[in-house]
Amino acid sequence: MSASDDQLRASVRQGWQAARRADPAPTVRYFEELLAQHPDSAFARYQCARAHDFAGEPHLAAPLYEQAFAAGLPRAELRRGLTSYGSTLRNLERFDEAVTVLERAHSLFPDDVLILCYLALALHSAGQPARALACLLDLIMARVDDPDLHANRWALGNYAAALIHGTWSPDGAKSLELLGPLLDSTSADQTASTRSN
C-alpha cells in the first residue's frame, strides 16, 4: 500500500469518525470533496456512495457503487460494497436486482452472515418470502449453537427445503445450497422418525 493510499484511508477514517446521523450533510460534503481529490479511486467513490446511503439518498448512492465496482473496488471493500449496494437497490425498490447482487455477494463470500441477512430481506421484498425464511432458517441452524436446534436440525432442514421447493420430503434438506447440508445423523428427531418407520 502506497503512502497516498494510507493517507486516503486515514482521511476516510477521519470522515466516518466525525459522521453524525442527525446531521449527515457534512459527511456527504466531506466525501464528495475527498472524491474530487481522488477522482480515479474506486475506494473513494465507494466511500462517497456510503455517505449518500448514510444520508438517506440511495438514488445518489447506487450509481457511485456501480462506478466503484467498474473501477475495480479492492476485494477488501467488495464484501461490504456489494452488501451495501444490494441494500440500496432494495431501498430503491429494484428488488430483483438486489437479489441478484446479494446472491453474487453470497457466492463470493459464503460465510458472511450479514450478506445472508440482507439477501433474506431482498428475497422477501422481491415476493419470495418462502426463500427468505428458508435462508434465515439455514443461517440460524448453521450459526446458532443450541442443543434444541441441534436436535431438530433434520426436521428444520427439511422444512426449509420445502419452503424453497414447495413439497416436504424426508431428505429434502440435501438440496439446500446456502450454507451446506443440514442433515445430522445424531439429530433426535431423525432418530425418532427412523424408529417410527
N, C-alpha and C. Protein backbone atom coordinates (compact mmCIF):
# COMPACT_ATOMS: atom_id res chain seq x y z
N MET A 1 0.85 -1.19 0.00
CA MET A 1 0.00 0.00 0.00
C MET A 1 0.89 1.24 0.00
N SER A 2 0.60 2.16 -0.90
CA SER A 2 1.43 3.36 -1.03
C SER A 2 1.08 4.36 0.07
N ALA A 3 1.95 5.38 0.19
CA ALA A 3 1.72 6.42 1.18
C ALA A 3 0.42 7.16 0.88
N SER A 4 0.14 7.37 -0.41
CA SER A 4 -1.11 8.07 -0.76
C SER A 4 -2.33 7.23 -0.41
N ASP A 5 -2.22 5.90 -0.56
CA ASP A 5 -3.32 5.01 -0.14
C ASP A 5 -3.53 5.09 1.36
N ASP A 6 -2.42 5.09 2.09
CA ASP A 6 -2.51 5.21 3.56
C ASP A 6 -3.16 6.52 3.95
N GLN A 7 -2.79 7.57 3.24
CA GLN A 7 -3.36 8.89 3.52
C GLN A 7 -4.86 8.91 3.24
N LEU A 8 -5.25 8.32 2.11
CA LEU A 8 -6.66 8.28 1.74
C LEU A 8 -7.46 7.50 2.79
N ARG A 9 -6.93 6.37 3.21
CA ARG A 9 -7.64 5.56 4.21
C ARG A 9 -7.73 6.30 5.55
N ALA A 10 -6.69 7.03 5.89
CA ALA A 10 -6.73 7.82 7.12
C ALA A 10 -7.79 8.92 7.01
N SER A 11 -7.90 9.52 5.85
CA SER A 11 -8.92 10.56 5.64
C SER A 11 -10.32 9.96 5.72
N VAL A 12 -10.49 8.76 5.20
CA VAL A 12 -11.79 8.08 5.26
C VAL A 12 -12.16 7.80 6.72
N ARG A 13 -11.21 7.28 7.48
CA ARG A 13 -11.48 7.02 8.90
C ARG A 13 -11.89 8.29 9.62
N GLN A 14 -11.17 9.36 9.33
CA GLN A 14 -11.47 10.65 9.96
C GLN A 14 -12.89 11.11 9.59
N GLY A 15 -13.26 10.94 8.34
CA GLY A 15 -14.59 11.35 7.90
C GLY A 15 -15.70 10.58 8.60
N TRP A 16 -15.51 9.28 8.76
CA TRP A 16 -16.55 8.48 9.42
C TRP A 16 -16.57 8.70 10.92
N GLN A 17 -15.43 9.00 11.51
CA GLN A 17 -15.42 9.29 12.95
C GLN A 17 -16.21 10.56 13.26
N ALA A 18 -16.23 11.48 12.32
CA ALA A 18 -16.96 12.75 12.53
C ALA A 18 -18.42 12.66 12.13
N ALA A 19 -18.82 11.55 11.50
CA ALA A 19 -20.19 11.43 10.97
C ALA A 19 -21.22 11.43 12.10
N ARG A 20 -22.33 12.12 11.85
CA ARG A 20 -23.44 12.19 12.80
C ARG A 20 -24.74 11.91 12.08
N ARG A 21 -25.47 10.92 12.54
CA ARG A 21 -26.74 10.54 11.91
C ARG A 21 -27.72 11.71 11.86
N ALA A 22 -27.73 12.51 12.91
CA ALA A 22 -28.70 13.61 12.99
C ALA A 22 -28.41 14.70 11.96
N ASP A 23 -27.18 14.75 11.46
CA ASP A 23 -26.81 15.79 10.51
C ASP A 23 -25.82 15.19 9.49
N PRO A 24 -26.34 14.45 8.51
CA PRO A 24 -25.44 13.75 7.58
C PRO A 24 -24.85 14.63 6.48
N ALA A 25 -25.39 15.84 6.28
CA ALA A 25 -24.92 16.68 5.17
C ALA A 25 -23.42 16.94 5.20
N PRO A 26 -22.82 17.26 6.37
CA PRO A 26 -21.37 17.47 6.38
C PRO A 26 -20.58 16.23 5.95
N THR A 27 -21.10 15.06 6.28
CA THR A 27 -20.43 13.82 5.89
C THR A 27 -20.46 13.67 4.37
N VAL A 28 -21.61 13.93 3.77
CA VAL A 28 -21.72 13.87 2.31
C VAL A 28 -20.74 14.85 1.66
N ARG A 29 -20.72 16.08 2.16
CA ARG A 29 -19.80 17.09 1.60
C ARG A 29 -18.35 16.64 1.74
N TYR A 30 -18.02 16.10 2.89
CA TYR A 30 -16.65 15.66 3.14
C TYR A 30 -16.22 14.61 2.11
N PHE A 31 -17.09 13.61 1.89
CA PHE A 31 -16.70 12.52 0.98
C PHE A 31 -16.80 12.93 -0.48
N GLU A 32 -17.66 13.88 -0.80
CA GLU A 32 -17.67 14.41 -2.17
C GLU A 32 -16.37 15.16 -2.45
N GLU A 33 -15.89 15.91 -1.46
CA GLU A 33 -14.62 16.61 -1.62
C GLU A 33 -13.46 15.63 -1.71
N LEU A 34 -13.53 14.58 -0.92
CA LEU A 34 -12.47 13.56 -0.96
C LEU A 34 -12.44 12.89 -2.33
N LEU A 35 -13.62 12.61 -2.89
CA LEU A 35 -13.68 12.01 -4.22
C LEU A 35 -13.14 12.97 -5.27
N ALA A 36 -13.43 14.26 -5.11
CA ALA A 36 -12.90 15.25 -6.06
C ALA A 36 -11.38 15.28 -6.03
N GLN A 37 -10.80 15.01 -4.85
CA GLN A 37 -9.33 14.97 -4.72
C GLN A 37 -8.74 13.67 -5.27
N HIS A 38 -9.57 12.61 -5.32
CA HIS A 38 -9.11 11.28 -5.78
C HIS A 38 -10.11 10.74 -6.80
N PRO A 39 -10.26 11.41 -7.93
CA PRO A 39 -11.33 11.04 -8.87
C PRO A 39 -11.18 9.66 -9.50
N ASP A 40 -9.97 9.13 -9.50
CA ASP A 40 -9.74 7.82 -10.12
C ASP A 40 -9.76 6.68 -9.11
N SER A 41 -10.06 6.99 -7.87
CA SER A 41 -10.01 5.98 -6.81
C SER A 41 -11.37 5.29 -6.64
N ALA A 42 -11.37 3.98 -6.88
CA ALA A 42 -12.59 3.19 -6.64
C ALA A 42 -12.97 3.23 -5.17
N PHE A 43 -11.96 3.24 -4.31
CA PHE A 43 -12.18 3.27 -2.87
C PHE A 43 -12.86 4.57 -2.45
N ALA A 44 -12.39 5.71 -2.97
CA ALA A 44 -13.00 7.00 -2.64
C ALA A 44 -14.43 7.07 -3.17
N ARG A 45 -14.66 6.51 -4.35
CA ARG A 45 -16.01 6.51 -4.94
C ARG A 45 -16.95 5.66 -4.08
N TYR A 46 -16.44 4.53 -3.60
CA TYR A 46 -17.23 3.66 -2.72
C TYR A 46 -17.59 4.39 -1.43
N GLN A 47 -16.66 5.11 -0.86
CA GLN A 47 -16.92 5.83 0.39
C GLN A 47 -17.94 6.96 0.16
N CYS A 48 -17.90 7.57 -1.00
CA CYS A 48 -18.87 8.61 -1.32
C CYS A 48 -20.27 7.99 -1.46
N ALA A 49 -20.33 6.81 -2.05
CA ALA A 49 -21.61 6.08 -2.14
C ALA A 49 -22.15 5.80 -0.74
N ARG A 50 -21.28 5.34 0.13
CA ARG A 50 -21.69 5.06 1.51
C ARG A 50 -22.23 6.32 2.19
N ALA A 51 -21.59 7.45 1.93
CA ALA A 51 -22.02 8.70 2.55
C ALA A 51 -23.43 9.07 2.10
N HIS A 52 -23.71 8.86 0.82
CA HIS A 52 -25.07 9.16 0.33
C HIS A 52 -26.08 8.19 0.94
N ASP A 53 -25.70 6.94 1.10
CA ASP A 53 -26.58 5.99 1.79
C ASP A 53 -26.83 6.45 3.22
N PHE A 54 -25.76 6.87 3.87
CA PHE A 54 -25.83 7.35 5.25
C PHE A 54 -26.80 8.52 5.36
N ALA A 55 -26.87 9.32 4.31
CA ALA A 55 -27.74 10.49 4.31
C ALA A 55 -29.15 10.17 3.82
N GLY A 56 -29.42 8.89 3.53
CA GLY A 56 -30.74 8.51 3.05
C GLY A 56 -30.97 8.92 1.61
N GLU A 57 -29.93 8.85 0.79
CA GLU A 57 -30.00 9.22 -0.62
C GLU A 57 -29.59 8.06 -1.51
N PRO A 58 -30.36 6.96 -1.48
CA PRO A 58 -29.96 5.78 -2.25
C PRO A 58 -29.89 6.02 -3.76
N HIS A 59 -30.71 6.95 -4.26
CA HIS A 59 -30.70 7.25 -5.70
C HIS A 59 -29.36 7.87 -6.13
N LEU A 60 -28.68 8.54 -5.20
CA LEU A 60 -27.36 9.08 -5.49
C LEU A 60 -26.25 8.06 -5.19
N ALA A 61 -26.52 7.17 -4.25
CA ALA A 61 -25.52 6.17 -3.87
C ALA A 61 -25.35 5.10 -4.94
N ALA A 62 -26.45 4.62 -5.52
CA ALA A 62 -26.40 3.47 -6.43
C ALA A 62 -25.42 3.65 -7.59
N PRO A 63 -25.48 4.76 -8.32
CA PRO A 63 -24.52 4.89 -9.44
C PRO A 63 -23.07 4.97 -8.98
N LEU A 64 -22.85 5.51 -7.79
CA LEU A 64 -21.48 5.58 -7.27
C LEU A 64 -20.96 4.18 -6.92
N TYR A 65 -21.81 3.34 -6.36
CA TYR A 65 -21.40 1.94 -6.13
C TYR A 65 -21.02 1.29 -7.46
N GLU A 66 -21.88 1.46 -8.46
CA GLU A 66 -21.64 0.84 -9.76
C GLU A 66 -20.33 1.32 -10.36
N GLN A 67 -20.05 2.62 -10.23
CA GLN A 67 -18.78 3.16 -10.74
C GLN A 67 -17.59 2.61 -9.97
N ALA A 68 -17.77 2.44 -8.66
CA ALA A 68 -16.67 1.89 -7.84
C ALA A 68 -16.36 0.46 -8.26
N PHE A 69 -17.40 -0.35 -8.50
CA PHE A 69 -17.17 -1.73 -8.94
C PHE A 69 -16.48 -1.74 -10.31
N ALA A 70 -16.96 -0.89 -11.22
CA ALA A 70 -16.38 -0.84 -12.56
C ALA A 70 -14.92 -0.39 -12.52
N ALA A 71 -14.58 0.44 -11.54
CA ALA A 71 -13.20 0.95 -11.41
C ALA A 71 -12.29 -0.04 -10.70
N GLY A 72 -12.84 -1.16 -10.24
CA GLY A 72 -12.01 -2.20 -9.61
C GLY A 72 -11.89 -2.06 -8.11
N LEU A 73 -13.03 -1.98 -7.44
CA LEU A 73 -13.01 -1.89 -5.98
C LEU A 73 -12.26 -3.09 -5.40
N PRO A 74 -11.26 -2.85 -4.54
CA PRO A 74 -10.48 -3.97 -3.98
C PRO A 74 -11.35 -4.96 -3.23
N ARG A 75 -10.92 -6.20 -3.22
CA ARG A 75 -11.70 -7.27 -2.59
C ARG A 75 -11.98 -6.97 -1.12
N ALA A 76 -11.06 -6.31 -0.46
CA ALA A 76 -11.26 -5.98 0.96
C ALA A 76 -12.51 -5.14 1.17
N GLU A 77 -12.85 -4.31 0.20
CA GLU A 77 -14.05 -3.49 0.29
C GLU A 77 -15.23 -4.08 -0.48
N LEU A 78 -14.96 -5.02 -1.37
CA LEU A 78 -16.01 -5.57 -2.23
C LEU A 78 -17.09 -6.26 -1.41
N ARG A 79 -16.69 -6.95 -0.35
CA ARG A 79 -17.65 -7.66 0.50
C ARG A 79 -18.74 -6.72 1.02
N ARG A 80 -18.35 -5.62 1.64
CA ARG A 80 -19.33 -4.67 2.18
C ARG A 80 -19.91 -3.80 1.07
N GLY A 81 -19.14 -3.58 0.01
CA GLY A 81 -19.65 -2.80 -1.10
C GLY A 81 -20.85 -3.46 -1.75
N LEU A 82 -20.74 -4.77 -2.02
CA LEU A 82 -21.87 -5.50 -2.61
C LEU A 82 -23.05 -5.57 -1.64
N THR A 83 -22.75 -5.73 -0.36
CA THR A 83 -23.82 -5.78 0.64
C THR A 83 -24.59 -4.46 0.66
N SER A 84 -23.84 -3.36 0.72
CA SER A 84 -24.47 -2.04 0.75
C SER A 84 -25.23 -1.76 -0.53
N TYR A 85 -24.65 -2.13 -1.66
CA TYR A 85 -25.30 -1.89 -2.95
C TYR A 85 -26.61 -2.68 -3.05
N GLY A 86 -26.57 -3.95 -2.61
CA GLY A 86 -27.79 -4.75 -2.62
C GLY A 86 -28.88 -4.13 -1.77
N SER A 87 -28.50 -3.64 -0.60
CA SER A 87 -29.46 -2.99 0.28
C SER A 87 -30.01 -1.71 -0.35
N THR A 88 -29.12 -0.96 -1.01
CA THR A 88 -29.53 0.27 -1.68
C THR A 88 -30.53 -0.02 -2.80
N LEU A 89 -30.27 -1.05 -3.59
CA LEU A 89 -31.20 -1.43 -4.65
C LEU A 89 -32.56 -1.80 -4.07
N ARG A 90 -32.54 -2.49 -2.95
CA ARG A 90 -33.81 -2.84 -2.30
C ARG A 90 -34.54 -1.58 -1.87
N ASN A 91 -33.83 -0.62 -1.30
CA ASN A 91 -34.45 0.64 -0.89
C ASN A 91 -35.02 1.41 -2.07
N LEU A 92 -34.44 1.20 -3.25
CA LEU A 92 -34.93 1.83 -4.47
C LEU A 92 -36.05 1.01 -5.12
N GLU A 93 -36.44 -0.08 -4.46
CA GLU A 93 -37.48 -0.99 -4.95
C GLU A 93 -37.07 -1.69 -6.25
N ARG A 94 -35.77 -1.84 -6.43
CA ARG A 94 -35.24 -2.63 -7.55
C ARG A 94 -34.94 -4.02 -6.99
N PHE A 95 -36.01 -4.71 -6.62
CA PHE A 95 -35.90 -5.90 -5.77
C PHE A 95 -35.17 -7.06 -6.46
N ASP A 96 -35.50 -7.34 -7.71
CA ASP A 96 -34.85 -8.46 -8.39
C ASP A 96 -33.36 -8.21 -8.56
N GLU A 97 -33.00 -6.96 -8.86
CA GLU A 97 -31.58 -6.62 -8.96
C GLU A 97 -30.89 -6.79 -7.62
N ALA A 98 -31.57 -6.41 -6.55
CA ALA A 98 -31.00 -6.56 -5.21
C ALA A 98 -30.70 -8.02 -4.91
N VAL A 99 -31.65 -8.89 -5.25
CA VAL A 99 -31.45 -10.33 -5.02
C VAL A 99 -30.24 -10.81 -5.82
N THR A 100 -30.15 -10.41 -7.09
CA THR A 100 -29.04 -10.84 -7.94
C THR A 100 -27.70 -10.40 -7.36
N VAL A 101 -27.61 -9.15 -6.93
CA VAL A 101 -26.35 -8.63 -6.36
C VAL A 101 -25.99 -9.37 -5.08
N LEU A 102 -26.97 -9.59 -4.22
CA LEU A 102 -26.69 -10.23 -2.94
C LEU A 102 -26.42 -11.72 -3.10
N GLU A 103 -27.02 -12.35 -4.09
CA GLU A 103 -26.66 -13.76 -4.38
C GLU A 103 -25.23 -13.84 -4.89
N ARG A 104 -24.82 -12.87 -5.70
CA ARG A 104 -23.43 -12.83 -6.15
C ARG A 104 -22.50 -12.62 -4.95
N ALA A 105 -22.88 -11.70 -4.07
CA ALA A 105 -22.06 -11.46 -2.88
C ALA A 105 -21.95 -12.73 -2.05
N HIS A 106 -23.06 -13.46 -1.91
CA HIS A 106 -23.04 -14.70 -1.14
C HIS A 106 -22.13 -15.74 -1.79
N SER A 107 -22.15 -15.80 -3.12
CA SER A 107 -21.29 -16.78 -3.80
C SER A 107 -19.81 -16.44 -3.61
N LEU A 108 -19.50 -15.14 -3.53
CA LEU A 108 -18.11 -14.72 -3.33
C LEU A 108 -17.67 -14.85 -1.87
N PHE A 109 -18.62 -14.62 -0.96
CA PHE A 109 -18.31 -14.61 0.48
C PHE A 109 -19.34 -15.48 1.21
N PRO A 110 -19.26 -16.80 1.02
CA PRO A 110 -20.33 -17.69 1.52
C PRO A 110 -20.49 -17.73 3.03
N ASP A 111 -19.48 -17.33 3.78
CA ASP A 111 -19.58 -17.39 5.24
C ASP A 111 -20.04 -16.07 5.86
N ASP A 112 -20.36 -15.09 5.05
CA ASP A 112 -20.72 -13.77 5.56
C ASP A 112 -22.18 -13.75 5.99
N VAL A 113 -22.40 -13.62 7.29
CA VAL A 113 -23.76 -13.64 7.86
C VAL A 113 -24.55 -12.41 7.43
N LEU A 114 -23.92 -11.25 7.41
CA LEU A 114 -24.63 -10.02 7.08
C LEU A 114 -25.20 -10.07 5.66
N ILE A 115 -24.43 -10.62 4.72
CA ILE A 115 -24.92 -10.75 3.35
C ILE A 115 -26.20 -11.58 3.33
N LEU A 116 -26.21 -12.69 4.07
CA LEU A 116 -27.41 -13.54 4.08
C LEU A 116 -28.61 -12.83 4.69
N CYS A 117 -28.38 -12.01 5.69
CA CYS A 117 -29.49 -11.25 6.28
C CYS A 117 -30.08 -10.29 5.25
N TYR A 118 -29.22 -9.56 4.54
CA TYR A 118 -29.71 -8.65 3.51
C TYR A 118 -30.33 -9.40 2.34
N LEU A 119 -29.78 -10.57 2.02
CA LEU A 119 -30.38 -11.39 0.97
C LEU A 119 -31.79 -11.81 1.36
N ALA A 120 -31.98 -12.21 2.60
CA ALA A 120 -33.32 -12.60 3.06
C ALA A 120 -34.30 -11.42 2.94
N LEU A 121 -33.86 -10.23 3.32
CA LEU A 121 -34.71 -9.05 3.18
C LEU A 121 -35.06 -8.79 1.72
N ALA A 122 -34.06 -8.91 0.85
CA ALA A 122 -34.31 -8.67 -0.58
C ALA A 122 -35.25 -9.71 -1.16
N LEU A 123 -35.06 -10.97 -0.77
CA LEU A 123 -35.95 -12.02 -1.25
C LEU A 123 -37.39 -11.75 -0.82
N HIS A 124 -37.56 -11.35 0.42
CA HIS A 124 -38.91 -11.04 0.91
C HIS A 124 -39.51 -9.89 0.10
N SER A 125 -38.74 -8.84 -0.11
CA SER A 125 -39.24 -7.69 -0.87
C SER A 125 -39.53 -8.05 -2.32
N ALA A 126 -38.80 -9.04 -2.85
CA ALA A 126 -38.98 -9.46 -4.24
C ALA A 126 -40.13 -10.45 -4.39
N GLY A 127 -40.90 -10.64 -3.33
CA GLY A 127 -42.04 -11.55 -3.41
C GLY A 127 -41.68 -13.01 -3.27
N GLN A 128 -40.55 -13.27 -2.60
CA GLN A 128 -40.12 -14.65 -2.37
C GLN A 128 -39.97 -14.91 -0.87
N PRO A 129 -41.07 -14.75 -0.11
CA PRO A 129 -40.97 -14.88 1.35
C PRO A 129 -40.56 -16.27 1.81
N ALA A 130 -40.94 -17.31 1.05
CA ALA A 130 -40.56 -18.67 1.45
C ALA A 130 -39.05 -18.84 1.38
N ARG A 131 -38.43 -18.37 0.30
CA ARG A 131 -36.98 -18.46 0.18
C ARG A 131 -36.30 -17.60 1.24
N ALA A 132 -36.89 -16.45 1.55
CA ALA A 132 -36.32 -15.59 2.58
C ALA A 132 -36.30 -16.29 3.93
N LEU A 133 -37.41 -16.93 4.29
CA LEU A 133 -37.48 -17.64 5.56
C LEU A 133 -36.54 -18.84 5.57
N ALA A 134 -36.48 -19.56 4.46
CA ALA A 134 -35.57 -20.70 4.37
C ALA A 134 -34.12 -20.26 4.55
N CYS A 135 -33.78 -19.12 3.97
CA CYS A 135 -32.43 -18.57 4.09
C CYS A 135 -32.10 -18.31 5.55
N LEU A 136 -33.03 -17.70 6.27
CA LEU A 136 -32.79 -17.39 7.69
C LEU A 136 -32.77 -18.65 8.55
N LEU A 137 -33.64 -19.62 8.23
CA LEU A 137 -33.59 -20.88 8.97
C LEU A 137 -32.24 -21.56 8.78
N ASP A 138 -31.78 -21.58 7.55
CA ASP A 138 -30.49 -22.18 7.25
C ASP A 138 -29.37 -21.47 8.01
N LEU A 139 -29.43 -20.14 8.01
CA LEU A 139 -28.42 -19.34 8.71
C LEU A 139 -28.44 -19.65 10.21
N ILE A 140 -29.62 -19.68 10.79
CA ILE A 140 -29.74 -19.94 12.23
C ILE A 140 -29.18 -21.31 12.57
N MET A 141 -29.55 -22.32 11.77
CA MET A 141 -29.08 -23.68 12.07
C MET A 141 -27.58 -23.82 11.89
N ALA A 142 -27.02 -23.06 10.97
CA ALA A 142 -25.58 -23.15 10.73
C ALA A 142 -24.77 -22.40 11.78
N ARG A 143 -25.35 -21.35 12.38
CA ARG A 143 -24.55 -20.46 13.22
C ARG A 143 -24.92 -20.44 14.69
N VAL A 144 -26.13 -20.88 15.04
CA VAL A 144 -26.54 -20.81 16.44
C VAL A 144 -26.28 -22.16 17.10
N ASP A 145 -25.47 -22.14 18.14
CA ASP A 145 -25.13 -23.37 18.86
C ASP A 145 -26.11 -23.54 20.02
N ASP A 146 -27.14 -24.30 19.77
CA ASP A 146 -28.19 -24.51 20.76
C ASP A 146 -28.60 -25.98 20.70
N PRO A 147 -28.67 -26.66 21.83
CA PRO A 147 -28.97 -28.10 21.80
C PRO A 147 -30.35 -28.43 21.22
N ASP A 148 -31.34 -27.58 21.46
CA ASP A 148 -32.66 -27.84 20.89
C ASP A 148 -32.64 -27.69 19.38
N LEU A 149 -31.93 -26.68 18.89
CA LEU A 149 -31.80 -26.54 17.44
C LEU A 149 -31.06 -27.72 16.85
N HIS A 150 -29.99 -28.14 17.52
CA HIS A 150 -29.21 -29.28 17.03
C HIS A 150 -30.09 -30.52 16.95
N ALA A 151 -30.90 -30.73 17.95
CA ALA A 151 -31.76 -31.92 17.99
C ALA A 151 -32.83 -31.89 16.90
N ASN A 152 -33.15 -30.70 16.42
CA ASN A 152 -34.22 -30.56 15.42
C ASN A 152 -33.71 -30.16 14.04
N ARG A 153 -32.43 -30.30 13.81
CA ARG A 153 -31.86 -29.90 12.53
C ARG A 153 -32.48 -30.65 11.36
N TRP A 154 -32.72 -31.93 11.55
CA TRP A 154 -33.26 -32.74 10.45
C TRP A 154 -34.62 -32.19 10.01
N ALA A 155 -35.51 -31.99 10.97
CA ALA A 155 -36.84 -31.50 10.62
C ALA A 155 -36.78 -30.08 10.07
N LEU A 156 -36.04 -29.19 10.74
CA LEU A 156 -35.98 -27.80 10.29
C LEU A 156 -35.33 -27.69 8.92
N GLY A 157 -34.31 -28.51 8.68
CA GLY A 157 -33.68 -28.51 7.37
C GLY A 157 -34.63 -28.93 6.28
N ASN A 158 -35.42 -29.95 6.55
CA ASN A 158 -36.40 -30.40 5.55
C ASN A 158 -37.51 -29.38 5.36
N TYR A 159 -37.93 -28.72 6.44
CA TYR A 159 -38.93 -27.67 6.28
C TYR A 159 -38.38 -26.49 5.48
N ALA A 160 -37.13 -26.15 5.71
CA ALA A 160 -36.50 -25.08 4.93
C ALA A 160 -36.47 -25.45 3.45
N ALA A 161 -36.11 -26.69 3.17
CA ALA A 161 -36.10 -27.15 1.77
C ALA A 161 -37.50 -27.13 1.18
N ALA A 162 -38.50 -27.50 1.98
CA ALA A 162 -39.88 -27.49 1.50
C ALA A 162 -40.34 -26.07 1.16
N LEU A 163 -39.88 -25.10 1.93
CA LEU A 163 -40.21 -23.71 1.62
C LEU A 163 -39.70 -23.31 0.23
N ILE A 164 -38.52 -23.80 -0.11
CA ILE A 164 -37.91 -23.46 -1.40
C ILE A 164 -38.53 -24.28 -2.53
N HIS A 165 -38.72 -25.58 -2.31
CA HIS A 165 -39.13 -26.48 -3.39
C HIS A 165 -40.63 -26.74 -3.45
N GLY A 166 -41.36 -26.34 -2.40
CA GLY A 166 -42.81 -26.48 -2.44
C GLY A 166 -43.37 -27.76 -1.85
N THR A 167 -42.54 -28.75 -1.65
CA THR A 167 -43.02 -30.00 -1.06
C THR A 167 -42.03 -30.49 -0.03
N TRP A 168 -42.55 -31.18 0.97
CA TRP A 168 -41.71 -31.72 2.04
C TRP A 168 -41.28 -33.12 1.66
N SER A 169 -40.08 -33.47 1.98
CA SER A 169 -39.62 -34.86 1.82
C SER A 169 -38.60 -35.13 2.91
N PRO A 170 -38.45 -36.39 3.32
CA PRO A 170 -37.55 -36.69 4.44
C PRO A 170 -36.07 -36.47 4.14
N ASP A 171 -35.72 -36.24 2.90
CA ASP A 171 -34.31 -35.95 2.59
C ASP A 171 -34.19 -34.65 1.81
N GLY A 172 -35.20 -33.76 1.93
CA GLY A 172 -35.19 -32.51 1.17
C GLY A 172 -34.05 -31.59 1.51
N ALA A 173 -33.58 -31.66 2.75
CA ALA A 173 -32.51 -30.75 3.17
C ALA A 173 -31.22 -30.97 2.39
N LYS A 174 -31.08 -32.15 1.78
CA LYS A 174 -29.88 -32.40 0.97
C LYS A 174 -29.78 -31.42 -0.20
N SER A 175 -30.93 -30.85 -0.58
CA SER A 175 -30.94 -29.95 -1.74
C SER A 175 -30.59 -28.52 -1.38
N LEU A 176 -30.48 -28.20 -0.09
CA LEU A 176 -30.17 -26.83 0.30
C LEU A 176 -28.72 -26.51 -0.07
N GLU A 177 -28.52 -25.32 -0.60
CA GLU A 177 -27.18 -24.94 -1.05
C GLU A 177 -26.65 -23.68 -0.38
N LEU A 178 -27.40 -23.12 0.59
CA LEU A 178 -26.99 -21.85 1.15
C LEU A 178 -25.75 -21.98 2.03
N LEU A 179 -25.84 -22.82 3.04
CA LEU A 179 -24.71 -22.96 3.96
C LEU A 179 -24.25 -24.41 4.11
N GLY A 180 -24.70 -25.26 3.20
CA GLY A 180 -24.27 -26.65 3.25
C GLY A 180 -25.36 -27.55 3.77
N PRO A 181 -25.09 -28.85 3.79
CA PRO A 181 -26.12 -29.82 4.19
C PRO A 181 -26.50 -29.67 5.65
N LEU A 182 -27.78 -29.89 5.93
CA LEU A 182 -28.29 -29.72 7.29
C LEU A 182 -28.64 -31.05 7.95
N LEU A 183 -28.62 -32.14 7.20
CA LEU A 183 -28.95 -33.42 7.80
C LEU A 183 -27.89 -33.80 8.82
N ASP A 184 -28.33 -34.35 9.92
CA ASP A 184 -27.43 -34.70 11.02
C ASP A 184 -27.87 -36.05 11.55
N SER A 185 -27.02 -37.04 11.44
CA SER A 185 -27.41 -38.39 11.82
C SER A 185 -27.65 -38.52 13.32
N THR A 186 -27.14 -37.57 14.12
CA THR A 186 -27.36 -37.65 15.56
C THR A 186 -28.57 -36.86 16.01
N SER A 187 -29.26 -36.23 15.06
CA SER A 187 -30.43 -35.43 15.40
C SER A 187 -31.51 -36.29 16.03
N ALA A 188 -32.04 -35.82 17.17
CA ALA A 188 -33.03 -36.61 17.90
C ALA A 188 -34.26 -36.89 17.06
N ASP A 189 -34.73 -35.91 16.30
CA ASP A 189 -35.96 -36.14 15.56
C ASP A 189 -35.74 -37.06 14.36
N GLN A 190 -34.51 -37.10 13.82
CA GLN A 190 -34.23 -38.08 12.75
C GLN A 190 -34.30 -39.48 13.36
N THR A 191 -33.74 -39.65 14.54
CA THR A 191 -33.78 -40.96 15.20
C THR A 191 -35.22 -41.37 15.47
N ALA A 192 -36.03 -40.43 15.96
CA ALA A 192 -37.43 -40.74 16.25
C ALA A 192 -38.15 -41.11 14.97
N SER A 193 -37.88 -40.38 13.88
CA SER A 193 -38.55 -40.65 12.62
C SER A 193 -38.16 -42.01 12.08
N THR A 194 -36.89 -42.38 12.21
CA THR A 194 -36.43 -43.67 11.74
C THR A 194 -37.10 -44.80 12.51
N ARG A 195 -37.24 -44.61 13.82
CA ARG A 195 -37.86 -45.65 14.65
C ARG A 195 -39.34 -45.82 14.29
N SER A 196 -39.98 -44.73 13.86
CA SER A 196 -41.42 -44.82 13.61
C SER A 196 -41.74 -45.44 12.25
N ASN A 197 -40.73 -45.62 11.39
CA ASN A 197 -40.98 -46.18 10.04
C ASN A 197 -40.91 -47.69 10.05
